[in-house]
Structure formats: structure tokens, C-alpha cells
Amino acid sequence: MVLIAVVLLALLKQYNPVYAVIAGILCCGLVLTAAIAAMFPVMDSLLSLAEQISAAQMMPLVKAMGIVILGQIARDVCKDAGQTALAGQVELAARALILFAALPLFQQLLQVISGLLG
């Protein structure tokens, strides 16, 4: 399905680049929908893991996964539109947001280490 979309988008880009970008975004949405449907077993595993650990420890991981997925999609859309500088900035912003989302985990890790040393 994706290979057919790539060929059709390449042909469309020659004749109307604006429609090619819009069609590419729609194709990304379809692929994302299929990927989300395939991720249900992963989500079930994460939910069973969440029962074993606290929600405070699980939420940063879930947030980071969402940021990774959305950042990758946004970066790829920017690259397809020919905006490589903007794509780099989107990637940088996604990395900064991931670090911010993981900050509670780093704090908990430091507390555990200081408890072991002290």
C-alpha cells in the first residue's frame, strides 16, 4: 500500500506539488491509523505493566512515546514539503519535550541512588 502511494505521490508531485503534499499527509494519516491499530497488543502489555508499577512512573513513558511518534510524523511532513530546516527544528523540539517528559523519572532515579548511598 505504501509503495503504491509513493509512486502515485511522485507522479502527482510533477503535476501539482501542493496536492502532492496534501495527499502525502492523508497517506501518513492512513498509515498512522494502521500503526495504531497494530499497537493495541503493545498497549495491552503496557497496561499490565502499569498495574505492577505506579502511574507516576508510567505516565512519563507514555508521554515520551507519544512525543516520539508525533515528532517523527511532523518531521517527515516537513521534509516532504521541502522544509528541511523546519524539520530539524521539529526534531529538536521533540527531543527537548521528551527530556522534559522524562524529568520525573530522572528525579526518582536520583532519589533511589541517594537513598542507596545515604
C-alpha atoms as a PDB file:
ATOM      1  CA  MET A   1       0.000   0.000   0.000  1.00  0.00           C
ATOM      2  CA  VAL A   2       2.758   2.442   0.939  1.00  0.00           C
ATOM      3  CA  LEU A   3       4.813   1.676  -2.170  1.00  0.00           C
ATOM      4  CA  ILE A   4       1.820   2.383  -4.400  1.00  0.00           C
ATOM      5  CA  ALA A   5       1.234   5.654  -2.550  1.00  0.00           C
ATOM      6  CA  VAL A   6       4.881   6.658  -3.034  1.00  0.00           C
ATOM      7  CA  VAL A   7       4.688   6.074  -6.775  1.00  0.00           C
ATOM      8  CA  LEU A   8       1.387   7.949  -7.084  1.00  0.00           C
ATOM      9  CA  LEU A   9       2.679  10.821  -4.966  1.00  0.00           C
ATOM     10  CA  ALA A  10       5.813  11.084  -7.114  1.00  0.00           C
ATOM     11  CA  LEU A  11       3.653  11.355 -10.225  1.00  0.00           C
ATOM     12  CA  LEU A  12       1.324  13.855  -8.578  1.00  0.00           C
ATOM     13  CA  LYS A  13       4.273  15.947  -7.410  1.00  0.00           C
ATOM     14  CA  GLN A  14       5.325  16.508 -11.019  1.00  0.00           C
ATOM     15  CA  TYR A  15       1.956  17.949 -11.982  1.00  0.00           C
ATOM     16  CA  ASN A  16       0.756  19.639  -8.794  1.00  0.00           C
ATOM     17  CA  PRO A  17       3.151  19.789  -5.814  1.00  0.00           C
ATOM     18  CA  VAL A  18       0.548  21.332  -3.480  1.00  0.00           C
ATOM     19  CA  TYR A  19      -1.848  18.433  -3.928  1.00  0.00           C
ATOM     20  CA  ALA A  20       1.052  16.021  -3.541  1.00  0.00           C
ATOM     21  CA  VAL A  21       1.813  17.425  -0.074  1.00  0.00           C
ATOM     22  CA  ILE A  22      -1.852  17.203   0.938  1.00  0.00           C
ATOM     23  CA  ALA A  23      -2.142  13.663  -0.423  1.00  0.00           C
ATOM     24  CA  GLY A  24       1.078  12.728   1.383  1.00  0.00           C
ATOM     25  CA  ILE A  25      -0.334  13.984   4.671  1.00  0.00           C
ATOM     26  CA  LEU A  26      -3.512  11.965   4.091  1.00  0.00           C
ATOM     27  CA  CYS A  27      -1.444   8.858   3.325  1.00  0.00           C
ATOM     28  CA  CYS A  28       0.528   9.418   6.525  1.00  0.00           C
ATOM     29  CA  GLY A  29      -2.745   9.588   8.413  1.00  0.00           C
ATOM     30  CA  LEU A  30      -3.875   6.273   6.948  1.00  0.00           C
ATOM     31  CA  VAL A  31      -0.571   4.582   7.769  1.00  0.00           C
ATOM     32  CA  LEU A  32      -0.680   6.055  11.285  1.00  0.00           C
ATOM     33  CA  THR A  33      -4.182   4.664  11.753  1.00  0.00           C
ATOM     34  CA  ALA A  34      -2.971   1.218  10.714  1.00  0.00           C
ATOM     35  CA  ALA A  35       0.050   1.513  13.014  1.00  0.00           C
ATOM     36  CA  ILE A  36      -2.134   2.498  15.959  1.00  0.00           C
ATOM     37  CA  ALA A  37      -4.372  -0.487  15.312  1.00  0.00           C
ATOM     38  CA  ALA A  38      -1.288  -2.722  15.297  1.00  0.00           C
ATOM     39  CA  MET A  39      -0.127  -1.194  18.582  1.00  0.00           C
ATOM     40  CA  PHE A  40      -3.085  -2.475  20.627  1.00  0.00           C
ATOM     41  CA  PRO A  41      -1.158  -5.578  21.831  1.00  0.00           C
ATOM     42  CA  VAL A  42       1.694  -3.278  22.896  1.00  0.00           C
ATOM     43  CA  MET A  43      -0.752  -1.068  24.759  1.00  0.00           C
ATOM     44  CA  ASP A  44      -2.223  -4.112  26.499  1.00  0.00           C
ATOM     45  CA  SER A  45       1.274  -5.091  27.643  1.00  0.00           C
ATOM     46  CA  LEU A  46       1.903  -1.555  28.884  1.00  0.00           C
ATOM     47  CA  LEU A  47      -1.372  -1.592  30.798  1.00  0.00           C
ATOM     48  CA  SER A  48      -0.424  -4.854  32.505  1.00  0.00           C
ATOM     49  CA  LEU A  49       2.955  -3.315  33.335  1.00  0.00           C
ATOM     50  CA  ALA A  50       1.178  -0.246  34.698  1.00  0.00           C
ATOM     51  CA  GLU A  51      -0.632  -2.464  37.185  1.00  0.00           C
ATOM     52  CA  GLN A  52       2.735  -3.509  38.601  1.00  0.00           C
ATOM     53  CA  ILE A  53       4.258  -0.022  38.845  1.00  0.00           C
ATOM     54  CA  SER A  54       2.737   3.296  39.806  1.00  0.00           C
ATOM     55  CA  ALA A  55       1.042   5.609  37.337  1.00  0.00           C
ATOM     56  CA  ALA A  56       3.587   8.299  38.213  1.00  0.00           C
ATOM     57  CA  GLN A  57       6.311   6.070  36.795  1.00  0.00           C
ATOM     58  CA  MET A  58       4.294   5.002  33.751  1.00  0.00           C
ATOM     59  CA  MET A  59       2.984   8.355  32.518  1.00  0.00           C
ATOM     60  CA  PRO A  60       6.377   9.801  31.503  1.00  0.00           C
ATOM     61  CA  LEU A  61       6.989   6.741  29.343  1.00  0.00           C
ATOM     62  CA  VAL A  62       3.606   7.027  27.650  1.00  0.00           C
ATOM     63  CA  LYS A  63       4.114  10.760  27.077  1.00  0.00           C
ATOM     64  CA  ALA A  64       7.568  10.171  25.618  1.00  0.00           C
ATOM     65  CA  MET A  65       6.231   7.521  23.236  1.00  0.00           C
ATOM     66  CA  GLY A  66       3.535   9.905  22.021  1.00  0.00           C
ATOM     67  CA  ILE A  67       6.030  12.708  21.541  1.00  0.00           C
ATOM     68  CA  VAL A  68       8.330  10.406  19.556  1.00  0.00           C
ATOM     69  CA  ILE A  69       5.538   9.324  17.219  1.00  0.00           C
ATOM     70  CA  LEU A  70       4.102  12.806  16.668  1.00  0.00           C
ATOM     71  CA  GLY A  71       7.553  14.369  16.302  1.00  0.00           C
ATOM     72  CA  GLN A  72       8.556  11.819  13.684  1.00  0.00           C
ATOM     73  CA  ILE A  73       5.382  12.411  11.688  1.00  0.00           C
ATOM     74  CA  ALA A  74       5.767  16.202  11.858  1.00  0.00           C
ATOM     75  CA  ARG A  75       9.432  15.966  10.834  1.00  0.00           C
ATOM     76  CA  ASP A  76       8.635  13.737   7.879  1.00  0.00           C
ATOM     77  CA  VAL A  77       5.837  16.019   6.693  1.00  0.00           C
ATOM     78  CA  CYS A  78       8.205  18.998   6.852  1.00  0.00           C
ATOM     79  CA  LYS A  79      10.867  17.110   4.885  1.00  0.00           C
ATOM     80  CA  ASP A  80       8.337  16.051   2.255  1.00  0.00           C
ATOM     81  CA  ALA A  81       7.273  19.663   1.877  1.00  0.00           C
ATOM     82  CA  GLY A  82      10.911  20.629   1.282  1.00  0.00           C
ATOM     83  CA  GLN A  83      11.304  22.412   4.621  1.00  0.00           C
ATOM     84  CA  THR A  84      14.422  20.651   5.908  1.00  0.00           C
ATOM     85  CA  ALA A  85      15.354  23.467   8.306  1.00  0.00           C
ATOM     86  CA  LEU A  86      11.898  23.342   9.868  1.00  0.00           C
ATOM     87  CA  ALA A  87      12.145  19.545  10.044  1.00  0.00           C
ATOM     88  CA  GLY A  88      15.360  19.867  12.047  1.00  0.00           C
ATOM     89  CA  GLN A  89      13.719  22.296  14.453  1.00  0.00           C
ATOM     90  CA  VAL A  90      10.733  19.970  14.904  1.00  0.00           C
ATOM     91  CA  GLU A  91      13.135  17.140  15.714  1.00  0.00           C
ATOM     92  CA  LEU A  92      14.996  19.299  18.221  1.00  0.00           C
ATOM     93  CA  ALA A  93      11.741  20.389  19.862  1.00  0.00           C
ATOM     94  CA  ALA A  94      10.589  16.761  20.113  1.00  0.00           C
ATOM     95  CA  ARG A  95      13.844  15.775  21.823  1.00  0.00           C
ATOM     96  CA  ALA A  96      13.518  18.635  24.291  1.00  0.00           C
ATOM     97  CA  LEU A  97       9.914  17.632  25.059  1.00  0.00           C
ATOM     98  CA  ILE A  98      10.979  14.019  25.613  1.00  0.00           C
ATOM     99  CA  LEU A  99      13.621  15.136  28.111  1.00  0.00           C
ATOM    100  CA  PHE A 100      11.033  17.299  29.853  1.00  0.00           C
ATOM    101  CA  ALA A 101       8.557  14.395  29.977  1.00  0.00           C
ATOM    102  CA  ALA A 102      11.244  12.079  31.406  1.00  0.00           C
ATOM    103  CA  LEU A 103      12.315  14.548  34.089  1.00  0.00           C
ATOM    104  CA  PRO A 104      10.180  12.902  36.827  1.00  0.00           C
ATOM    105  CA  LEU A 105      11.892   9.578  36.115  1.00  0.00           C
ATOM    106  CA  PHE A 106      15.317  11.183  36.448  1.00  0.00           C
ATOM    107  CA  GLN A 107      14.254  12.713  39.767  1.00  0.00           C
ATOM    108  CA  GLN A 108      13.046   9.347  41.057  1.00  0.00           C
ATOM    109  CA  LEU A 109      16.281   7.721  39.927  1.00  0.00           C
ATOM    110  CA  LEU A 110      18.341  10.305  41.803  1.00  0.00           C
ATOM    111  CA  GLN A 111      16.237   9.727  44.939  1.00  0.00           C
ATOM    112  CA  VAL A 112      16.836   5.971  44.728  1.00  0.00           C
ATOM    113  CA  ILE A 113      20.575   6.467  44.221  1.00  0.00           C
ATOM    114  CA  SER A 114      20.837   8.942  47.100  1.00  0.00           C
ATOM    115  CA  GLY A 115      18.863   6.510  49.300  1.00  0.00           C
ATOM    116  CA  LEU A 116      21.281   3.713  48.471  1.00  0.00           C
ATOM    117  CA  LEU A 117      24.331   5.884  49.145  1.00  0.00           C
ATOM    118  CA  GLY A 118      22.999   7.591  52.250  1.00  0.00           C
END
